[in-house]
Amino acid sequence: MEWWQILLICIGSLLVLFGLSIVFYKQFFKRFYDIVLSGLALIVLSPLLLILIVVGAIVMRGNPFFTQDRPGKDGKIFKLIKYKSMSDARGEDGELLPDEKRLTAYGRFLRSTSLDELPELFCILCGSMSLIGPRPLLVKYLPLYNEEQRHRHDVRPGLTGYAQAHGRNGVTWEKKFEMDVWYTQHISFFGDIKIILDTVLAVLKRDGISSETSATMEEFKGSGN
C-alpha cells in the first residue's frame, strides 16, 4: 500500500470520528474523550503532579491532598480529591478558622492558576466526574436546591463548566445554578470545546477566583422552592 493511500485512510478515519463525535457526543463520545484526555493529561502532567505533591507536603506540613464527599450524577456521592490550599488552623474553641485566615499564599497561587484541581483528573478517569460539567458542590447543599436547580445533577460534575468559564466564584449562586442547568440541556461537542477555551482564558486572566464577599465563595443558604 502506498503512503498516500495510508494517509487517505487516516484522514478518512479522523473525519468519520469527527462526524460521529458531533452526532453521538452526549450519548457516547463525551465519556470516550473524558477517558482519553484525562489519561493523556495524567501522563503528560505527571512530573508537575509529583512536584506539587512534594511542595504541598512541605508547605502544608503533612498531607498535600484535600478529600471530601461530593454529590455527582443523580446525587450519587463520590470522593473528590484536590491539592490542599488551606491550612487546618483552628481557633481557641477548636473550630476551624474562616477560609480567609486558613487560605495560604501557596493556596492562593494554586486556586488562581486552578492547579489545585489537577488531582480531579483521577476522578474523571474513574468515571465520577467529566472534563466538562457543573462543579461538584457540598453534600449539605442537596436539600437546599429548588426543583430547577436539582437538574444540575442530571450529568456528571466537571473539572470545569459553563459557569466556571463565565464568572467562576464572581457570580451569584442563583446565576451559577442557572448556567449549570442550561448546560445540562445543551451539551454538545463544539459547546464543550468552547467551554475549555473560555476556561483557559478565565484562568489566564484570573477572573472570578473569589466572590465579592469571601476569599473563596460564600456558603449557599438556599434560594427557595
N, C-alpha and C. Protein backbone atom coordinates (compact mmCIF):
# COMPACT_ATOMS: atom_id res chain seq x y z
N MET A 1 0.84 -1.19 0.00
CA MET A 1 0.00 0.00 0.00
C MET A 1 0.88 1.25 0.00
N GLU A 2 0.56 2.19 -0.88
CA GLU A 2 1.33 3.43 -0.98
C GLU A 2 1.09 4.32 0.23
N TRP A 3 2.06 5.24 0.48
CA TRP A 3 1.98 6.13 1.63
C TRP A 3 0.76 7.04 1.56
N TRP A 4 0.42 7.46 0.32
CA TRP A 4 -0.70 8.39 0.19
C TRP A 4 -2.03 7.69 0.44
N GLN A 5 -2.06 6.37 0.18
CA GLN A 5 -3.27 5.61 0.48
C GLN A 5 -3.46 5.47 2.00
N ILE A 6 -2.34 5.25 2.69
CA ILE A 6 -2.39 5.17 4.16
C ILE A 6 -2.84 6.52 4.74
N LEU A 7 -2.30 7.60 4.13
CA LEU A 7 -2.66 8.95 4.58
C LEU A 7 -4.15 9.22 4.38
N LEU A 8 -4.68 8.81 3.24
CA LEU A 8 -6.10 9.00 2.95
C LEU A 8 -6.98 8.21 3.93
N ILE A 9 -6.54 7.00 4.27
CA ILE A 9 -7.29 6.17 5.22
C ILE A 9 -7.30 6.84 6.60
N CYS A 10 -6.15 7.37 6.99
CA CYS A 10 -6.05 8.06 8.29
C CYS A 10 -6.94 9.29 8.33
N ILE A 11 -6.89 10.09 7.25
CA ILE A 11 -7.71 11.30 7.18
C ILE A 11 -9.19 10.93 7.19
N GLY A 12 -9.54 9.90 6.40
CA GLY A 12 -10.93 9.46 6.35
C GLY A 12 -11.42 8.97 7.71
N SER A 13 -10.56 8.24 8.42
CA SER A 13 -10.93 7.74 9.75
C SER A 13 -11.16 8.87 10.73
N LEU A 14 -10.29 9.89 10.64
CA LEU A 14 -10.43 11.04 11.53
C LEU A 14 -11.72 11.81 11.22
N LEU A 15 -12.06 11.92 9.94
CA LEU A 15 -13.29 12.61 9.55
C LEU A 15 -14.53 11.85 10.04
N VAL A 16 -14.46 10.53 9.97
CA VAL A 16 -15.57 9.72 10.46
C VAL A 16 -15.71 9.88 11.97
N LEU A 17 -14.57 9.83 12.67
CA LEU A 17 -14.58 10.01 14.13
C LEU A 17 -15.13 11.39 14.49
N PHE A 18 -14.72 12.39 13.74
CA PHE A 18 -15.17 13.76 13.98
C PHE A 18 -16.69 13.86 13.79
N GLY A 19 -17.19 13.26 12.70
CA GLY A 19 -18.62 13.30 12.43
C GLY A 19 -19.43 12.56 13.48
N LEU A 20 -18.95 11.37 13.88
CA LEU A 20 -19.64 10.60 14.91
C LEU A 20 -19.61 11.32 16.25
N SER A 21 -18.49 12.00 16.52
CA SER A 21 -18.36 12.74 17.78
C SER A 21 -19.41 13.84 17.88
N ILE A 22 -19.70 14.47 16.77
CA ILE A 22 -20.70 15.54 16.77
C ILE A 22 -22.10 14.98 16.97
N VAL A 23 -22.42 13.90 16.27
CA VAL A 23 -23.77 13.34 16.29
C VAL A 23 -24.06 12.61 17.60
N PHE A 24 -23.09 11.82 18.08
CA PHE A 24 -23.32 10.98 19.26
C PHE A 24 -22.49 11.44 20.47
N TYR A 25 -22.21 12.72 20.54
CA TYR A 25 -21.32 13.22 21.59
C TYR A 25 -21.87 12.95 22.99
N LYS A 26 -23.07 13.39 23.27
CA LYS A 26 -23.65 13.25 24.61
C LYS A 26 -23.86 11.79 24.98
N GLN A 27 -24.27 10.97 24.01
CA GLN A 27 -24.61 9.58 24.29
C GLN A 27 -23.37 8.70 24.52
N PHE A 28 -22.27 8.98 23.84
CA PHE A 28 -21.12 8.08 23.90
C PHE A 28 -19.77 8.81 23.96
N PHE A 29 -19.55 9.74 23.05
CA PHE A 29 -18.20 10.28 22.87
C PHE A 29 -17.76 11.24 23.98
N LYS A 30 -18.68 11.81 24.72
CA LYS A 30 -18.28 12.67 25.84
C LYS A 30 -17.47 11.86 26.86
N ARG A 31 -17.96 10.68 27.20
CA ARG A 31 -17.24 9.81 28.13
C ARG A 31 -15.96 9.27 27.49
N PHE A 32 -16.02 8.97 26.20
CA PHE A 32 -14.83 8.48 25.48
C PHE A 32 -13.69 9.50 25.58
N TYR A 33 -14.01 10.77 25.32
CA TYR A 33 -12.98 11.81 25.39
C TYR A 33 -12.53 12.08 26.83
N ASP A 34 -13.44 11.90 27.79
CA ASP A 34 -13.06 12.04 29.19
C ASP A 34 -11.94 11.06 29.54
N ILE A 35 -12.12 9.80 29.11
CA ILE A 35 -11.14 8.76 29.42
C ILE A 35 -9.82 9.03 28.71
N VAL A 36 -9.89 9.30 27.42
CA VAL A 36 -8.68 9.51 26.62
C VAL A 36 -7.90 10.74 27.08
N LEU A 37 -8.60 11.87 27.22
CA LEU A 37 -7.91 13.12 27.55
C LEU A 37 -7.41 13.15 28.99
N SER A 38 -8.19 12.61 29.93
CA SER A 38 -7.72 12.60 31.32
C SER A 38 -6.53 11.66 31.47
N GLY A 39 -6.55 10.53 30.77
CA GLY A 39 -5.43 9.60 30.81
C GLY A 39 -4.16 10.22 30.25
N LEU A 40 -4.30 10.88 29.09
CA LEU A 40 -3.14 11.56 28.49
C LEU A 40 -2.63 12.68 29.38
N ALA A 41 -3.55 13.45 29.96
CA ALA A 41 -3.16 14.56 30.84
C ALA A 41 -2.39 14.06 32.05
N LEU A 42 -2.83 12.95 32.64
CA LEU A 42 -2.13 12.41 33.81
C LEU A 42 -0.71 11.97 33.44
N ILE A 43 -0.54 11.43 32.25
CA ILE A 43 0.79 11.00 31.81
C ILE A 43 1.68 12.21 31.55
N VAL A 44 1.17 13.17 30.78
CA VAL A 44 1.96 14.35 30.40
C VAL A 44 2.27 15.22 31.62
N LEU A 45 1.30 15.36 32.52
CA LEU A 45 1.47 16.25 33.68
C LEU A 45 2.05 15.56 34.90
N SER A 46 2.41 14.28 34.78
CA SER A 46 2.90 13.53 35.94
C SER A 46 4.09 14.20 36.65
N PRO A 47 5.07 14.80 35.93
CA PRO A 47 6.15 15.49 36.65
C PRO A 47 5.62 16.66 37.50
N LEU A 48 4.69 17.44 36.93
CA LEU A 48 4.12 18.56 37.67
C LEU A 48 3.31 18.06 38.87
N LEU A 49 2.55 17.00 38.68
CA LEU A 49 1.75 16.43 39.76
C LEU A 49 2.65 16.01 40.92
N LEU A 50 3.77 15.39 40.62
CA LEU A 50 4.70 14.94 41.65
C LEU A 50 5.34 16.12 42.38
N ILE A 51 5.70 17.16 41.61
CA ILE A 51 6.29 18.35 42.22
C ILE A 51 5.30 19.00 43.18
N LEU A 52 4.04 19.10 42.79
CA LEU A 52 3.03 19.72 43.64
C LEU A 52 2.75 18.88 44.88
N ILE A 53 2.90 17.57 44.77
CA ILE A 53 2.74 16.71 45.94
C ILE A 53 3.83 17.00 46.96
N VAL A 54 5.08 17.09 46.48
CA VAL A 54 6.21 17.34 47.37
C VAL A 54 6.12 18.73 47.99
N VAL A 55 5.88 19.74 47.15
CA VAL A 55 5.79 21.12 47.65
C VAL A 55 4.61 21.27 48.61
N GLY A 56 3.49 20.67 48.25
CA GLY A 56 2.31 20.75 49.11
C GLY A 56 2.54 20.10 50.46
N ALA A 57 3.23 18.96 50.47
CA ALA A 57 3.52 18.27 51.73
C ALA A 57 4.40 19.13 52.64
N ILE A 58 5.33 19.88 52.02
CA ILE A 58 6.21 20.75 52.79
C ILE A 58 5.46 21.96 53.32
N VAL A 59 4.74 22.65 52.42
CA VAL A 59 4.03 23.87 52.80
C VAL A 59 2.92 23.59 53.80
N MET A 60 2.16 22.52 53.56
CA MET A 60 1.03 22.20 54.43
C MET A 60 1.44 21.34 55.63
N ARG A 61 2.73 21.00 55.70
CA ARG A 61 3.28 20.23 56.82
C ARG A 61 2.53 18.92 57.03
N GLY A 62 2.36 18.22 55.94
CA GLY A 62 1.68 16.94 56.03
C GLY A 62 1.02 16.56 54.73
N ASN A 63 -0.18 16.04 54.82
CA ASN A 63 -0.93 15.57 53.66
C ASN A 63 -1.18 16.71 52.67
N PRO A 64 -0.70 16.58 51.41
CA PRO A 64 -0.89 17.66 50.42
C PRO A 64 -2.24 17.61 49.73
N PHE A 65 -3.06 16.60 50.06
CA PHE A 65 -4.35 16.42 49.39
C PHE A 65 -5.52 16.81 50.28
N PHE A 66 -6.55 17.29 49.62
CA PHE A 66 -7.82 17.57 50.27
C PHE A 66 -8.86 16.63 49.66
N THR A 67 -9.53 15.85 50.49
CA THR A 67 -10.56 14.95 50.00
C THR A 67 -11.87 15.25 50.72
N GLN A 68 -12.96 15.09 50.01
CA GLN A 68 -14.27 15.38 50.60
C GLN A 68 -15.36 14.70 49.79
N ASP A 69 -16.40 14.26 50.48
CA ASP A 69 -17.55 13.69 49.79
C ASP A 69 -18.28 14.78 49.03
N ARG A 70 -18.60 14.50 47.77
CA ARG A 70 -19.36 15.44 46.95
C ARG A 70 -20.44 14.67 46.18
N PRO A 71 -21.56 15.31 45.86
CA PRO A 71 -22.59 14.64 45.06
C PRO A 71 -22.26 14.70 43.57
N GLY A 72 -22.40 13.56 42.90
CA GLY A 72 -22.15 13.50 41.47
C GLY A 72 -23.43 13.35 40.69
N LYS A 73 -23.37 12.62 39.59
CA LYS A 73 -24.54 12.40 38.74
C LYS A 73 -25.66 11.73 39.54
N ASP A 74 -26.86 12.27 39.40
CA ASP A 74 -28.04 11.77 40.12
C ASP A 74 -27.89 11.86 41.64
N GLY A 75 -26.97 12.72 42.09
CA GLY A 75 -26.78 12.91 43.52
C GLY A 75 -25.96 11.84 44.19
N LYS A 76 -25.40 10.90 43.42
CA LYS A 76 -24.59 9.82 43.99
C LYS A 76 -23.30 10.40 44.56
N ILE A 77 -22.97 10.02 45.79
CA ILE A 77 -21.81 10.58 46.48
C ILE A 77 -20.51 9.91 46.02
N PHE A 78 -19.49 10.73 45.79
CA PHE A 78 -18.17 10.21 45.45
C PHE A 78 -17.12 11.01 46.22
N LYS A 79 -15.89 10.55 46.20
CA LYS A 79 -14.81 11.21 46.93
C LYS A 79 -14.03 12.14 45.98
N LEU A 80 -14.13 13.44 46.24
CA LEU A 80 -13.40 14.44 45.45
C LEU A 80 -12.00 14.58 46.01
N ILE A 81 -11.01 14.72 45.14
CA ILE A 81 -9.64 14.91 45.58
C ILE A 81 -9.04 16.13 44.89
N LYS A 82 -8.42 16.99 45.68
CA LYS A 82 -7.77 18.20 45.18
C LYS A 82 -6.46 18.38 45.93
N TYR A 83 -5.63 19.31 45.46
CA TYR A 83 -4.47 19.70 46.24
C TYR A 83 -4.94 20.64 47.34
N LYS A 84 -4.43 20.47 48.50
CA LYS A 84 -4.83 21.25 49.66
C LYS A 84 -4.37 22.70 49.51
N SER A 85 -5.29 23.65 49.71
CA SER A 85 -4.94 25.06 49.59
C SER A 85 -5.15 25.84 50.88
N MET A 86 -5.76 25.20 51.89
CA MET A 86 -5.99 25.86 53.18
C MET A 86 -5.39 25.04 54.31
N SER A 87 -4.88 25.73 55.31
CA SER A 87 -4.32 25.05 56.47
C SER A 87 -5.44 24.52 57.37
N ASP A 88 -5.06 23.78 58.39
CA ASP A 88 -6.04 23.25 59.34
C ASP A 88 -6.06 24.08 60.63
N ALA A 89 -5.67 25.35 60.52
CA ALA A 89 -5.60 26.22 61.71
C ALA A 89 -6.96 26.35 62.38
N ARG A 90 -6.95 26.23 63.71
CA ARG A 90 -8.18 26.32 64.49
C ARG A 90 -8.09 27.41 65.55
N GLY A 91 -9.24 27.92 65.95
CA GLY A 91 -9.29 28.94 66.99
C GLY A 91 -9.24 28.32 68.37
N GLU A 92 -9.36 29.13 69.40
CA GLU A 92 -9.30 28.66 70.78
C GLU A 92 -10.46 27.72 71.10
N ASP A 93 -11.57 27.84 70.35
CA ASP A 93 -12.72 26.98 70.58
C ASP A 93 -12.59 25.62 69.88
N GLY A 94 -11.49 25.44 69.17
CA GLY A 94 -11.25 24.18 68.48
C GLY A 94 -11.85 24.10 67.09
N GLU A 95 -12.60 25.13 66.70
CA GLU A 95 -13.22 25.16 65.38
C GLU A 95 -12.25 25.71 64.34
N LEU A 96 -12.41 25.25 63.09
CA LEU A 96 -11.56 25.76 62.02
C LEU A 96 -11.77 27.26 61.84
N LEU A 97 -10.68 27.97 61.59
CA LEU A 97 -10.76 29.41 61.35
C LEU A 97 -11.45 29.67 60.01
N PRO A 98 -11.95 30.90 59.79
CA PRO A 98 -12.59 31.23 58.50
C PRO A 98 -11.64 31.00 57.33
N ASP A 99 -12.21 30.77 56.15
CA ASP A 99 -11.42 30.47 54.95
C ASP A 99 -10.31 31.48 54.71
N GLU A 100 -10.64 32.78 54.85
CA GLU A 100 -9.65 33.81 54.53
C GLU A 100 -8.43 33.76 55.44
N LYS A 101 -8.57 33.17 56.65
CA LYS A 101 -7.44 33.06 57.56
C LYS A 101 -6.67 31.76 57.35
N ARG A 102 -7.29 30.78 56.73
CA ARG A 102 -6.63 29.49 56.50
C ARG A 102 -6.06 29.37 55.10
N LEU A 103 -6.49 30.25 54.20
CA LEU A 103 -6.01 30.20 52.82
C LEU A 103 -4.59 30.78 52.76
N THR A 104 -3.62 29.93 52.51
CA THR A 104 -2.21 30.34 52.48
C THR A 104 -1.86 31.03 51.16
N ALA A 105 -0.69 31.66 51.14
CA ALA A 105 -0.21 32.28 49.90
C ALA A 105 -0.03 31.22 48.82
N TYR A 106 0.46 30.06 49.22
CA TYR A 106 0.61 28.95 48.29
C TYR A 106 -0.76 28.50 47.79
N GLY A 107 -1.72 28.48 48.69
CA GLY A 107 -3.08 28.09 48.32
C GLY A 107 -3.70 29.07 47.35
N ARG A 108 -3.45 30.35 47.56
CA ARG A 108 -3.98 31.36 46.64
C ARG A 108 -3.40 31.17 45.24
N PHE A 109 -2.12 30.82 45.19
CA PHE A 109 -1.49 30.56 43.90
C PHE A 109 -2.14 29.35 43.23
N LEU A 110 -2.34 28.29 43.99
CA LEU A 110 -2.97 27.09 43.42
C LEU A 110 -4.35 27.40 42.87
N ARG A 111 -5.15 28.16 43.63
CA ARG A 111 -6.51 28.47 43.22
C ARG A 111 -6.52 29.41 42.02
N SER A 112 -5.64 30.41 42.01
CA SER A 112 -5.64 31.38 40.92
C SER A 112 -5.24 30.75 39.59
N THR A 113 -4.42 29.70 39.67
CA THR A 113 -3.98 29.01 38.46
C THR A 113 -4.79 27.74 38.20
N SER A 114 -5.69 27.40 39.13
CA SER A 114 -6.51 26.18 39.07
C SER A 114 -5.69 24.90 39.16
N LEU A 115 -4.45 25.01 39.62
CA LEU A 115 -3.61 23.82 39.77
C LEU A 115 -4.14 22.91 40.87
N ASP A 116 -4.88 23.47 41.82
CA ASP A 116 -5.43 22.65 42.90
C ASP A 116 -6.42 21.61 42.39
N GLU A 117 -6.95 21.83 41.18
CA GLU A 117 -7.97 20.94 40.63
C GLU A 117 -7.38 19.72 39.90
N LEU A 118 -6.08 19.73 39.64
CA LEU A 118 -5.49 18.68 38.80
C LEU A 118 -5.73 17.25 39.28
N PRO A 119 -5.70 16.97 40.60
CA PRO A 119 -5.96 15.58 41.02
C PRO A 119 -7.35 15.06 40.63
N GLU A 120 -8.26 15.97 40.27
CA GLU A 120 -9.59 15.54 39.85
C GLU A 120 -9.55 14.78 38.53
N LEU A 121 -8.40 14.82 37.86
CA LEU A 121 -8.24 14.02 36.64
C LEU A 121 -8.42 12.53 36.94
N PHE A 122 -8.04 12.11 38.16
CA PHE A 122 -8.25 10.72 38.56
C PHE A 122 -9.74 10.42 38.69
N CYS A 123 -10.50 11.40 39.21
CA CYS A 123 -11.96 11.23 39.33
C CYS A 123 -12.60 11.11 37.96
N ILE A 124 -12.07 11.85 36.99
CA ILE A 124 -12.59 11.80 35.63
C ILE A 124 -12.30 10.44 35.00
N LEU A 125 -11.07 9.98 35.16
CA LEU A 125 -10.67 8.69 34.59
C LEU A 125 -11.51 7.55 35.17
N CYS A 126 -11.85 7.66 36.46
CA CYS A 126 -12.62 6.61 37.13
C CYS A 126 -14.12 6.71 36.85
N GLY A 127 -14.57 7.83 36.28
CA GLY A 127 -15.98 7.95 35.92
C GLY A 127 -16.85 8.72 36.89
N SER A 128 -16.28 9.22 37.97
CA SER A 128 -17.07 10.01 38.93
C SER A 128 -17.34 11.42 38.41
N MET A 129 -16.43 11.90 37.56
CA MET A 129 -16.54 13.26 37.03
C MET A 129 -16.34 13.25 35.52
N SER A 130 -16.52 14.42 34.93
CA SER A 130 -16.29 14.63 33.50
C SER A 130 -15.36 15.83 33.35
N LEU A 131 -14.78 15.99 32.19
CA LEU A 131 -13.97 17.19 31.95
C LEU A 131 -14.83 18.43 32.03
N ILE A 132 -16.03 18.35 31.47
CA ILE A 132 -16.94 19.49 31.44
C ILE A 132 -18.25 19.13 32.12
N GLY A 133 -18.72 20.00 33.01
CA GLY A 133 -19.98 19.78 33.69
C GLY A 133 -20.11 20.72 34.87
N PRO A 134 -21.25 20.76 35.52
CA PRO A 134 -21.41 21.61 36.71
C PRO A 134 -20.41 21.19 37.79
N ARG A 135 -19.83 22.14 38.49
CA ARG A 135 -18.86 21.82 39.52
C ARG A 135 -19.52 21.06 40.67
N PRO A 136 -18.85 20.03 41.23
CA PRO A 136 -19.40 19.29 42.36
C PRO A 136 -19.33 20.13 43.63
N LEU A 137 -20.46 20.37 44.27
CA LEU A 137 -20.52 21.21 45.46
C LEU A 137 -20.66 20.36 46.71
N LEU A 138 -21.04 20.97 47.82
CA LEU A 138 -21.13 20.26 49.09
C LEU A 138 -22.38 19.39 49.18
N VAL A 139 -22.25 18.27 49.88
CA VAL A 139 -23.37 17.36 50.07
C VAL A 139 -24.51 18.05 50.80
N LYS A 140 -24.18 18.94 51.74
CA LYS A 140 -25.21 19.59 52.54
C LYS A 140 -26.09 20.55 51.72
N TYR A 141 -25.67 20.86 50.49
CA TYR A 141 -26.49 21.73 49.64
C TYR A 141 -27.64 20.97 48.97
N LEU A 142 -27.55 19.65 48.92
CA LEU A 142 -28.54 18.86 48.18
C LEU A 142 -29.99 19.19 48.56
N PRO A 143 -30.35 19.27 49.85
CA PRO A 143 -31.75 19.57 50.18
C PRO A 143 -32.12 21.03 50.01
N LEU A 144 -31.15 21.88 49.69
CA LEU A 144 -31.41 23.32 49.56
C LEU A 144 -31.77 23.74 48.14
N TYR A 145 -31.53 22.86 47.16
CA TYR A 145 -31.83 23.21 45.78
C TYR A 145 -33.34 23.23 45.55
N ASN A 146 -33.78 24.16 44.69
CA ASN A 146 -35.18 24.10 44.27
C ASN A 146 -35.29 23.09 43.13
N GLU A 147 -36.49 22.86 42.63
CA GLU A 147 -36.73 21.82 41.64
C GLU A 147 -35.88 22.01 40.39
N GLU A 148 -35.75 23.24 39.94
CA GLU A 148 -34.96 23.52 38.73
C GLU A 148 -33.48 23.30 38.99
N GLN A 149 -32.99 23.76 40.12
CA GLN A 149 -31.56 23.65 40.42
C GLN A 149 -31.10 22.20 40.58
N ARG A 150 -32.00 21.31 40.98
CA ARG A 150 -31.63 19.90 41.15
C ARG A 150 -31.20 19.25 39.84
N HIS A 151 -31.61 19.85 38.73
CA HIS A 151 -31.25 19.27 37.42
C HIS A 151 -29.77 19.43 37.10
N ARG A 152 -29.04 20.18 37.91
CA ARG A 152 -27.59 20.28 37.69
C ARG A 152 -26.91 18.93 37.92
N HIS A 153 -27.64 18.03 38.61
CA HIS A 153 -27.10 16.69 38.87
C HIS A 153 -27.57 15.66 37.85
N ASP A 154 -28.12 16.12 36.75
CA ASP A 154 -28.54 15.20 35.69
C ASP A 154 -27.35 14.64 34.91
N VAL A 155 -26.20 15.27 35.06
CA VAL A 155 -24.98 14.84 34.36
C VAL A 155 -23.83 14.74 35.36
N ARG A 156 -22.72 14.16 34.93
CA ARG A 156 -21.54 14.09 35.79
C ARG A 156 -21.02 15.50 36.07
N PRO A 157 -20.54 15.77 37.27
CA PRO A 157 -19.92 17.06 37.56
C PRO A 157 -18.61 17.19 36.79
N GLY A 158 -18.16 18.41 36.58
CA GLY A 158 -16.99 18.62 35.74
C GLY A 158 -15.80 19.26 36.42
N LEU A 159 -14.63 19.05 35.81
CA LEU A 159 -13.41 19.73 36.22
C LEU A 159 -13.58 21.23 36.00
N THR A 160 -14.25 21.56 34.92
CA THR A 160 -14.67 22.93 34.65
C THR A 160 -16.06 22.86 34.02
N GLY A 161 -16.68 24.01 33.89
CA GLY A 161 -18.03 24.02 33.35
C GLY A 161 -18.41 25.37 32.78
N TYR A 162 -19.63 25.46 32.33
CA TYR A 162 -20.11 26.71 31.71
C TYR A 162 -20.04 27.87 32.70
N ALA A 163 -20.41 27.62 33.96
CA ALA A 163 -20.38 28.67 34.97
C ALA A 163 -18.94 29.08 35.29
N GLN A 164 -18.02 28.10 35.33
CA GLN A 164 -16.62 28.41 35.63
C GLN A 164 -15.97 29.23 34.51
N ALA A 165 -16.44 29.04 33.31
CA ALA A 165 -15.90 29.80 32.17
C ALA A 165 -16.53 31.18 32.07
N HIS A 166 -17.58 31.42 32.87
CA HIS A 166 -18.28 32.70 32.80
C HIS A 166 -18.51 33.29 34.18
N GLY A 167 -17.40 33.42 34.94
CA GLY A 167 -17.52 34.10 36.22
C GLY A 167 -16.96 33.38 37.41
N ARG A 168 -16.85 32.03 37.36
CA ARG A 168 -16.35 31.23 38.48
C ARG A 168 -17.06 31.65 39.78
N ASN A 169 -16.31 32.09 40.79
CA ASN A 169 -16.90 32.48 42.07
C ASN A 169 -17.37 33.92 42.10
N GLY A 170 -17.26 34.61 40.97
CA GLY A 170 -17.64 36.02 40.93
C GLY A 170 -19.10 36.27 40.61
N VAL A 171 -19.90 35.21 40.44
CA VAL A 171 -21.33 35.37 40.15
C VAL A 171 -22.14 34.79 41.30
N THR A 172 -23.40 35.15 41.40
CA THR A 172 -24.25 34.67 42.48
C THR A 172 -24.54 33.18 42.33
N TRP A 173 -24.94 32.55 43.43
CA TRP A 173 -25.30 31.14 43.37
C TRP A 173 -26.42 30.91 42.37
N GLU A 174 -27.44 31.79 42.41
CA GLU A 174 -28.59 31.60 41.52
C GLU A 174 -28.18 31.64 40.05
N LYS A 175 -27.32 32.60 39.71
CA LYS A 175 -26.85 32.71 38.33
C LYS A 175 -26.00 31.51 37.95
N LYS A 176 -25.17 31.06 38.89
CA LYS A 176 -24.31 29.90 38.65
C LYS A 176 -25.16 28.66 38.38
N PHE A 177 -26.19 28.45 39.20
CA PHE A 177 -27.05 27.28 39.02
C PHE A 177 -27.85 27.37 37.73
N GLU A 178 -28.23 28.58 37.37
CA GLU A 178 -28.95 28.80 36.11
C GLU A 178 -28.08 28.36 34.94
N MET A 179 -26.80 28.71 34.99
CA MET A 179 -25.88 28.32 33.92
C MET A 179 -25.62 26.81 33.94
N ASP A 180 -25.54 26.23 35.15
CA ASP A 180 -25.34 24.79 35.27
C ASP A 180 -26.48 24.01 34.60
N VAL A 181 -27.71 24.40 34.91
CA VAL A 181 -28.87 23.70 34.37
C VAL A 181 -28.95 23.90 32.86
N TRP A 182 -28.64 25.11 32.41
CA TRP A 182 -28.63 25.39 30.96
C TRP A 182 -27.66 24.43 30.27
N TYR A 183 -26.50 24.22 30.87
CA TYR A 183 -25.52 23.33 30.26
C TYR A 183 -26.05 21.91 30.12
N THR A 184 -26.70 21.40 31.16
CA THR A 184 -27.20 20.02 31.11
C THR A 184 -28.18 19.81 29.97
N GLN A 185 -28.81 20.89 29.52
CA GLN A 185 -29.81 20.80 28.46
C GLN A 185 -29.24 21.13 27.08
N HIS A 186 -27.98 21.55 27.04
CA HIS A 186 -27.38 21.97 25.76
C HIS A 186 -25.98 21.40 25.56
N ILE A 187 -25.76 20.17 25.98
CA ILE A 187 -24.45 19.54 25.82
C ILE A 187 -24.17 19.26 24.35
N SER A 188 -23.00 19.69 23.90
CA SER A 188 -22.61 19.44 22.51
C SER A 188 -21.10 19.40 22.38
N PHE A 189 -20.63 18.82 21.32
CA PHE A 189 -19.19 18.69 21.06
C PHE A 189 -18.53 20.07 20.96
N PHE A 190 -19.08 20.93 20.13
CA PHE A 190 -18.49 22.26 19.96
C PHE A 190 -18.69 23.13 21.19
N GLY A 191 -19.79 22.90 21.90
CA GLY A 191 -20.04 23.65 23.12
C GLY A 191 -18.98 23.36 24.17
N ASP A 192 -18.61 22.09 24.33
CA ASP A 192 -17.59 21.73 25.31
C ASP A 192 -16.22 22.27 24.90
N ILE A 193 -15.92 22.27 23.62
CA ILE A 193 -14.65 22.84 23.16
C ILE A 193 -14.59 24.33 23.51
N LYS A 194 -15.69 25.03 23.29
CA LYS A 194 -15.74 26.47 23.60
C LYS A 194 -15.57 26.70 25.10
N ILE A 195 -16.17 25.84 25.93
CA ILE A 195 -16.03 25.99 27.38
C ILE A 195 -14.58 25.81 27.81
N ILE A 196 -13.90 24.84 27.20
CA ILE A 196 -12.48 24.63 27.51
C ILE A 196 -11.66 25.86 27.16
N LEU A 197 -11.89 26.41 25.97
CA LEU A 197 -11.15 27.61 25.55
C LEU A 197 -11.46 28.80 26.45
N ASP A 198 -12.75 28.97 26.79
CA ASP A 198 -13.15 30.08 27.67
C ASP A 198 -12.56 29.91 29.07
N THR A 199 -12.45 28.65 29.53
CA THR A 199 -11.87 28.39 30.84
C THR A 199 -10.40 28.77 30.88
N VAL A 200 -9.69 28.41 29.81
CA VAL A 200 -8.26 28.76 29.72
C VAL A 200 -8.09 30.28 29.80
N LEU A 201 -8.94 31.01 29.08
CA LEU A 201 -8.86 32.47 29.11
C LEU A 201 -9.17 33.01 30.50
N ALA A 202 -10.17 32.43 31.17
CA ALA A 202 -10.56 32.88 32.51
C ALA A 202 -9.42 32.64 33.50
N VAL A 203 -8.74 31.49 33.37
CA VAL A 203 -7.63 31.17 34.26
C VAL A 203 -6.47 32.12 34.01
N LEU A 204 -6.17 32.38 32.74
CA LEU A 204 -5.07 33.29 32.41
C LEU A 204 -5.33 34.70 32.92
N LYS A 205 -6.59 35.13 32.86
CA LYS A 205 -6.96 36.46 33.35
C LYS A 205 -7.22 36.45 34.85
N ARG A 206 -7.30 35.24 35.42
CA ARG A 206 -7.56 35.05 36.86
C ARG A 206 -8.86 35.72 37.28
N ASP A 207 -9.88 35.53 36.48
CA ASP A 207 -11.21 36.10 36.77
C ASP A 207 -11.99 35.22 37.72
N GLY A 208 -12.75 35.87 38.63
CA GLY A 208 -13.72 35.19 39.47
C GLY A 208 -13.14 34.17 40.44
N ILE A 209 -11.91 34.37 40.89
CA ILE A 209 -11.30 33.44 41.83
C ILE A 209 -12.05 33.47 43.16
N SER A 210 -12.44 34.67 43.58
CA SER A 210 -13.18 34.84 44.82
C SER A 210 -14.49 35.56 44.54
N SER A 211 -15.43 35.43 45.49
CA SER A 211 -16.65 36.21 45.38
C SER A 211 -16.38 37.60 45.92
N GLU A 212 -17.34 38.49 45.84
CA GLU A 212 -17.14 39.85 46.31
C GLU A 212 -17.11 39.93 47.83
N THR A 213 -17.60 38.89 48.52
CA THR A 213 -17.71 38.93 49.97
C THR A 213 -16.92 37.86 50.69
N SER A 214 -16.16 37.06 49.96
CA SER A 214 -15.45 35.94 50.59
C SER A 214 -14.16 35.66 49.84
N ALA A 215 -13.20 35.07 50.59
CA ALA A 215 -11.92 34.70 49.98
C ALA A 215 -12.11 33.55 48.99
N THR A 216 -13.16 32.78 49.16
CA THR A 216 -13.45 31.69 48.22
C THR A 216 -14.84 31.93 47.64
N MET A 217 -15.85 31.30 48.24
CA MET A 217 -17.24 31.52 47.82
C MET A 217 -18.11 31.39 49.04
N GLU A 218 -18.99 32.37 49.25
CA GLU A 218 -19.84 32.30 50.45
C GLU A 218 -20.74 31.06 50.41
N GLU A 219 -21.17 30.64 51.58
CA GLU A 219 -21.97 29.43 51.69
C GLU A 219 -23.37 29.63 51.07
N PHE A 220 -23.83 28.58 50.41
CA PHE A 220 -25.17 28.63 49.81
C PHE A 220 -26.20 28.34 50.89
N LYS A 221 -27.19 29.22 51.03
CA LYS A 221 -28.21 29.10 52.07
C LYS A 221 -29.56 28.64 51.51
N GLY A 222 -29.62 28.46 50.19
CA GLY A 222 -30.90 28.09 49.58
C GLY A 222 -31.53 29.31 48.92
N SER A 223 -32.31 29.07 47.89
CA SER A 223 -32.92 30.18 47.17
C SER A 223 -34.44 30.03 47.07
N GLY A 224 -35.01 29.14 47.86
CA GLY A 224 -36.45 28.98 47.85
C GLY A 224 -36.89 27.96 46.82
N ASN A 225 -38.13 27.49 46.94
CA ASN A 225 -38.65 26.48 46.02
C ASN A 225 -39.71 27.08 45.11
